[in-house]
């Protein structure tokens, strides 16, 4: 991943998934997601992250900028270890909410 800067802050991040063929994905500053050994196509993008409340309703939406600047401030898991915040992406024209495997961004 090539270093990118916005106001002097490195903006590239890593998406970690517990399982799957590629357990780590690259998140570029423009929101593009790609497998580390491949170039980003521009057809797979992170749109936002949604935090759910205890009743599984949307509690808070984190923009791409918030995700890039401070992913550690997003509560990725409930106290019992289940996923609390979910990535919303756009993949070749389809909006998706990641459900599994468990994931986070650092």
N, C-alpha and C. Protein backbone atom coordinates (compact mmCIF):
# COMPACT_ATOMS: atom_id res chain seq x y z
N UNK A 1 0.86 -1.17 0.00
CA UNK A 1 0.00 0.00 0.00
C UNK A 1 0.90 1.23 0.00
N UNK A 2 0.66 2.15 -0.89
CA UNK A 2 1.48 3.34 -0.95
C UNK A 2 1.07 4.33 0.13
N UNK A 3 2.04 4.98 0.79
CA UNK A 3 1.70 5.94 1.83
C UNK A 3 0.90 7.11 1.27
N UNK A 4 -0.13 7.47 1.94
CA UNK A 4 -0.96 8.62 1.56
C UNK A 4 -1.10 9.52 2.77
N UNK A 5 -1.17 10.81 2.52
CA UNK A 5 -1.24 11.74 3.64
C UNK A 5 -2.39 12.70 3.47
N UNK A 6 -3.01 13.02 4.58
CA UNK A 6 -4.04 14.04 4.64
C UNK A 6 -3.75 14.84 5.89
N UNK A 7 -3.37 16.07 5.74
CA UNK A 7 -2.99 16.91 6.88
C UNK A 7 -1.85 16.28 7.67
N UNK A 8 -0.93 15.61 6.98
CA UNK A 8 0.23 15.05 7.65
C UNK A 8 -0.02 13.74 8.38
N UNK A 9 -1.21 13.15 8.25
CA UNK A 9 -1.55 11.92 8.95
C UNK A 9 -1.63 10.79 7.93
N UNK A 10 -0.94 9.69 8.18
CA UNK A 10 -1.04 8.54 7.28
C UNK A 10 -2.45 7.99 7.36
N UNK A 11 -3.07 7.74 6.22
CA UNK A 11 -4.48 7.39 6.21
C UNK A 11 -4.77 5.94 5.82
N UNK A 12 -3.81 5.20 5.30
CA UNK A 12 -4.07 3.82 4.93
C UNK A 12 -4.29 2.97 6.18
N UNK A 13 -5.20 2.02 6.12
CA UNK A 13 -5.53 1.16 7.26
C UNK A 13 -5.61 -0.29 6.82
N UNK A 14 -5.70 -1.18 7.79
CA UNK A 14 -5.83 -2.60 7.53
C UNK A 14 -7.14 -3.10 8.12
N UNK A 15 -7.88 -3.87 7.34
CA UNK A 15 -9.09 -4.53 7.82
C UNK A 15 -8.69 -5.95 8.18
N UNK A 16 -8.97 -6.35 9.41
CA UNK A 16 -8.64 -7.70 9.87
C UNK A 16 -9.93 -8.50 9.99
N UNK A 17 -9.94 -9.68 9.38
CA UNK A 17 -11.10 -10.57 9.44
C UNK A 17 -10.68 -11.88 10.10
N UNK A 18 -11.52 -12.41 10.95
CA UNK A 18 -11.23 -13.68 11.62
C UNK A 18 -11.66 -14.82 10.73
N UNK A 19 -10.83 -15.16 9.79
CA UNK A 19 -11.17 -16.24 8.86
C UNK A 19 -11.25 -15.75 7.45
N UNK A 20 -11.60 -16.66 6.57
CA UNK A 20 -11.70 -16.31 5.17
C UNK A 20 -10.38 -16.57 4.45
N UNK A 21 -10.42 -16.48 3.14
CA UNK A 21 -9.24 -16.72 2.33
C UNK A 21 -8.17 -15.66 2.55
N UNK A 22 -8.60 -14.40 2.74
CA UNK A 22 -7.67 -13.30 2.99
C UNK A 22 -8.01 -12.67 4.34
N UNK A 23 -7.28 -13.02 5.41
CA UNK A 23 -7.60 -12.49 6.74
C UNK A 23 -7.31 -11.00 6.91
N UNK A 24 -6.50 -10.43 6.03
CA UNK A 24 -6.23 -9.00 6.08
C UNK A 24 -6.48 -8.38 4.72
N UNK A 25 -7.12 -7.21 4.72
CA UNK A 25 -7.37 -6.45 3.51
C UNK A 25 -6.82 -5.04 3.70
N UNK A 26 -6.48 -4.38 2.62
CA UNK A 26 -5.99 -3.01 2.67
C UNK A 26 -7.15 -2.04 2.46
N UNK A 27 -7.17 -0.98 3.25
CA UNK A 27 -8.15 0.10 3.11
C UNK A 27 -7.39 1.35 2.72
N UNK A 28 -7.62 1.83 1.52
CA UNK A 28 -6.93 3.01 1.01
C UNK A 28 -7.60 4.30 1.50
N UNK A 29 -6.91 5.43 1.43
CA UNK A 29 -7.48 6.71 1.89
C UNK A 29 -8.76 7.13 1.17
N UNK A 30 -8.96 6.66 -0.07
CA UNK A 30 -10.18 7.01 -0.80
C UNK A 30 -11.32 6.03 -0.53
N UNK A 31 -11.09 5.07 0.39
CA UNK A 31 -12.12 4.12 0.75
C UNK A 31 -12.04 2.80 0.00
N UNK A 32 -11.16 2.71 -0.98
CA UNK A 32 -11.03 1.47 -1.75
C UNK A 32 -10.47 0.35 -0.87
N UNK A 33 -11.06 -0.82 -1.02
CA UNK A 33 -10.62 -2.01 -0.30
C UNK A 33 -10.02 -2.96 -1.33
N UNK A 34 -8.89 -3.59 -0.97
CA UNK A 34 -8.31 -4.56 -1.88
C UNK A 34 -7.48 -5.57 -1.12
N UNK A 35 -7.25 -6.70 -1.78
CA UNK A 35 -6.39 -7.74 -1.24
C UNK A 35 -4.96 -7.22 -1.32
N UNK A 36 -4.13 -7.43 -0.29
CA UNK A 36 -2.79 -6.84 -0.26
C UNK A 36 -1.95 -7.08 -1.52
N UNK A 37 -2.05 -8.24 -2.14
CA UNK A 37 -1.20 -8.53 -3.29
C UNK A 37 -1.77 -8.04 -4.62
N UNK A 38 -2.92 -7.35 -4.58
CA UNK A 38 -3.56 -6.86 -5.79
C UNK A 38 -3.75 -5.35 -5.71
N UNK A 39 -3.82 -4.72 -6.87
CA UNK A 39 -4.09 -3.28 -6.96
C UNK A 39 -5.59 -3.04 -6.78
N UNK A 40 -5.95 -1.94 -6.13
CA UNK A 40 -7.36 -1.59 -5.93
C UNK A 40 -8.02 -1.31 -7.28
N UNK A 41 -9.22 -1.88 -7.48
CA UNK A 41 -9.94 -1.70 -8.74
C UNK A 41 -10.83 -0.46 -8.72
N UNK A 42 -11.14 0.03 -7.52
CA UNK A 42 -12.07 1.15 -7.41
C UNK A 42 -13.52 0.70 -7.38
N UNK A 43 -13.75 -0.59 -7.50
CA UNK A 43 -15.11 -1.13 -7.51
C UNK A 43 -15.52 -1.71 -6.17
N UNK A 44 -14.62 -1.65 -5.17
CA UNK A 44 -14.92 -2.17 -3.83
C UNK A 44 -14.53 -1.08 -2.85
N UNK A 45 -15.51 -0.45 -2.22
CA UNK A 45 -15.24 0.69 -1.34
C UNK A 45 -15.95 0.57 -0.01
N UNK A 46 -15.29 1.04 1.03
CA UNK A 46 -15.91 1.17 2.34
C UNK A 46 -16.73 2.45 2.33
N UNK A 47 -17.99 2.37 2.72
CA UNK A 47 -18.85 3.55 2.76
C UNK A 47 -18.91 4.13 4.16
N UNK A 48 -19.08 3.26 5.16
CA UNK A 48 -19.19 3.69 6.54
C UNK A 48 -19.10 2.48 7.45
N UNK A 49 -19.09 2.75 8.75
CA UNK A 49 -19.19 1.69 9.76
C UNK A 49 -20.40 2.02 10.61
N UNK A 50 -21.24 1.02 10.89
CA UNK A 50 -22.44 1.23 11.70
C UNK A 50 -22.27 0.49 13.02
N UNK A 51 -22.48 1.22 14.12
CA UNK A 51 -22.47 0.63 15.46
C UNK A 51 -23.92 0.31 15.84
N UNK A 52 -24.14 -0.87 16.37
CA UNK A 52 -25.48 -1.27 16.79
C UNK A 52 -25.63 -1.15 18.30
N UNK A 53 -26.87 -0.95 18.76
CA UNK A 53 -27.13 -0.94 20.20
C UNK A 53 -27.43 -2.36 20.66
N UNK A 54 -27.79 -2.52 21.94
CA UNK A 54 -28.05 -3.85 22.50
C UNK A 54 -29.23 -4.56 21.87
N UNK A 55 -30.14 -3.81 21.23
CA UNK A 55 -31.30 -4.43 20.57
C UNK A 55 -31.05 -4.63 19.07
N UNK A 56 -29.79 -4.43 18.66
CA UNK A 56 -29.33 -4.64 17.28
C UNK A 56 -29.88 -3.61 16.29
N UNK A 57 -30.25 -2.44 16.80
CA UNK A 57 -30.66 -1.32 15.94
C UNK A 57 -29.46 -0.40 15.74
N UNK A 58 -29.47 0.34 14.62
CA UNK A 58 -28.38 1.28 14.36
C UNK A 58 -28.30 2.31 15.48
N UNK A 59 -27.11 2.47 16.04
CA UNK A 59 -26.89 3.42 17.12
C UNK A 59 -26.09 4.62 16.61
N UNK A 60 -25.03 4.35 15.84
CA UNK A 60 -24.17 5.44 15.36
C UNK A 60 -23.55 5.04 14.03
N UNK A 61 -23.40 6.03 13.17
CA UNK A 61 -22.75 5.83 11.88
C UNK A 61 -21.40 6.55 11.90
N UNK A 62 -20.35 5.85 11.52
CA UNK A 62 -19.01 6.44 11.44
C UNK A 62 -18.68 6.63 9.96
N UNK A 63 -18.33 7.84 9.58
CA UNK A 63 -17.99 8.13 8.19
C UNK A 63 -16.63 7.52 7.84
N UNK A 64 -16.32 7.48 6.57
CA UNK A 64 -15.02 6.98 6.12
C UNK A 64 -13.89 7.77 6.78
N UNK A 65 -14.03 9.08 6.86
CA UNK A 65 -12.99 9.91 7.48
C UNK A 65 -12.80 9.55 8.95
N UNK A 66 -13.89 9.35 9.69
CA UNK A 66 -13.77 8.95 11.10
C UNK A 66 -13.09 7.59 11.23
N UNK A 67 -13.41 6.68 10.33
CA UNK A 67 -12.79 5.35 10.35
C UNK A 67 -11.29 5.46 10.08
N UNK A 68 -10.92 6.27 9.11
CA UNK A 68 -9.51 6.42 8.77
C UNK A 68 -8.71 7.12 9.85
N UNK A 69 -9.29 8.15 10.47
CA UNK A 69 -8.56 8.92 11.46
C UNK A 69 -8.43 8.22 12.81
N UNK A 70 -9.46 7.50 13.24
CA UNK A 70 -9.42 6.92 14.59
C UNK A 70 -10.22 5.62 14.67
N UNK A 71 -9.77 4.57 14.01
CA UNK A 71 -10.53 3.31 14.07
C UNK A 71 -10.55 2.70 15.47
N UNK A 72 -9.58 3.07 16.30
CA UNK A 72 -9.53 2.54 17.66
C UNK A 72 -10.66 3.08 18.54
N UNK A 73 -11.32 4.15 18.11
CA UNK A 73 -12.43 4.72 18.88
C UNK A 73 -13.77 4.03 18.58
N UNK A 74 -13.76 3.16 17.59
CA UNK A 74 -14.98 2.44 17.22
C UNK A 74 -15.09 1.19 18.09
N UNK A 75 -16.21 1.00 18.79
CA UNK A 75 -16.37 -0.22 19.60
C UNK A 75 -16.75 -1.40 18.71
N UNK A 76 -15.78 -2.20 18.34
CA UNK A 76 -16.00 -3.28 17.38
C UNK A 76 -16.76 -4.46 17.97
N UNK A 77 -16.65 -4.68 19.29
CA UNK A 77 -17.29 -5.85 19.89
C UNK A 77 -18.06 -5.46 21.16
N UNK A 78 -19.14 -6.22 21.44
CA UNK A 78 -19.84 -6.11 22.71
C UNK A 78 -18.98 -6.77 23.78
N UNK A 79 -19.33 -6.57 25.05
CA UNK A 79 -18.58 -7.18 26.15
C UNK A 79 -18.54 -8.70 26.06
N UNK A 80 -19.59 -9.29 25.48
CA UNK A 80 -19.62 -10.76 25.37
C UNK A 80 -18.83 -11.28 24.16
N UNK A 81 -18.22 -10.38 23.41
CA UNK A 81 -17.37 -10.78 22.29
C UNK A 81 -18.03 -10.82 20.93
N UNK A 82 -19.35 -10.59 20.85
CA UNK A 82 -20.01 -10.59 19.54
C UNK A 82 -19.78 -9.26 18.84
N UNK A 83 -19.91 -9.27 17.53
CA UNK A 83 -19.66 -8.08 16.72
C UNK A 83 -20.67 -6.98 17.05
N UNK A 84 -20.18 -5.76 17.28
CA UNK A 84 -21.03 -4.62 17.61
C UNK A 84 -21.08 -3.60 16.46
N UNK A 85 -19.96 -3.41 15.78
CA UNK A 85 -19.89 -2.45 14.68
C UNK A 85 -19.58 -3.20 13.39
N UNK A 86 -20.23 -2.78 12.31
CA UNK A 86 -20.16 -3.51 11.05
C UNK A 86 -19.76 -2.58 9.91
N UNK A 87 -18.93 -3.09 9.03
CA UNK A 87 -18.53 -2.35 7.84
C UNK A 87 -19.67 -2.39 6.83
N UNK A 88 -19.94 -1.24 6.23
CA UNK A 88 -20.87 -1.13 5.11
C UNK A 88 -20.01 -0.83 3.90
N UNK A 89 -20.10 -1.67 2.88
CA UNK A 89 -19.29 -1.45 1.70
C UNK A 89 -20.14 -1.42 0.44
N UNK A 90 -19.50 -1.08 -0.65
CA UNK A 90 -20.09 -1.07 -1.98
C UNK A 90 -19.17 -1.90 -2.84
N UNK A 91 -19.67 -3.02 -3.34
CA UNK A 91 -18.84 -3.92 -4.13
C UNK A 91 -19.49 -4.15 -5.49
N UNK A 92 -18.91 -3.54 -6.51
CA UNK A 92 -19.42 -3.66 -7.88
C UNK A 92 -20.92 -3.36 -7.96
N UNK A 93 -21.35 -2.28 -7.30
CA UNK A 93 -22.73 -1.83 -7.38
C UNK A 93 -23.67 -2.36 -6.32
N UNK A 94 -23.20 -3.20 -5.41
CA UNK A 94 -24.05 -3.78 -4.38
C UNK A 94 -23.64 -3.26 -3.00
N UNK A 95 -24.62 -2.69 -2.26
CA UNK A 95 -24.36 -2.28 -0.88
C UNK A 95 -24.45 -3.51 0.02
N UNK A 96 -23.47 -3.65 0.92
CA UNK A 96 -23.47 -4.81 1.81
C UNK A 96 -23.14 -4.39 3.23
N UNK A 97 -23.69 -5.11 4.20
CA UNK A 97 -23.31 -4.98 5.61
C UNK A 97 -22.58 -6.27 5.97
N UNK A 98 -21.32 -6.13 6.36
CA UNK A 98 -20.55 -7.31 6.73
C UNK A 98 -21.13 -7.91 8.00
N UNK A 99 -21.38 -9.18 7.99
CA UNK A 99 -21.91 -9.85 9.17
C UNK A 99 -20.88 -10.80 9.75
N UNK A 100 -20.26 -11.58 8.90
CA UNK A 100 -19.22 -12.49 9.36
C UNK A 100 -18.20 -12.63 8.25
N UNK A 101 -16.99 -12.98 8.55
CA UNK A 101 -16.47 -13.27 9.88
C UNK A 101 -16.29 -11.99 10.69
N UNK A 102 -16.06 -12.12 12.02
CA UNK A 102 -15.79 -10.93 12.84
C UNK A 102 -14.65 -10.10 12.22
N UNK A 103 -14.75 -8.79 12.35
CA UNK A 103 -13.77 -7.92 11.71
C UNK A 103 -13.55 -6.64 12.52
N UNK A 104 -12.42 -6.01 12.26
CA UNK A 104 -12.13 -4.68 12.82
C UNK A 104 -11.09 -4.01 11.92
N UNK A 105 -10.87 -2.74 12.17
CA UNK A 105 -9.91 -1.97 11.38
C UNK A 105 -8.88 -1.37 12.33
N UNK A 106 -7.63 -1.42 11.93
CA UNK A 106 -6.58 -0.74 12.71
C UNK A 106 -5.70 0.04 11.78
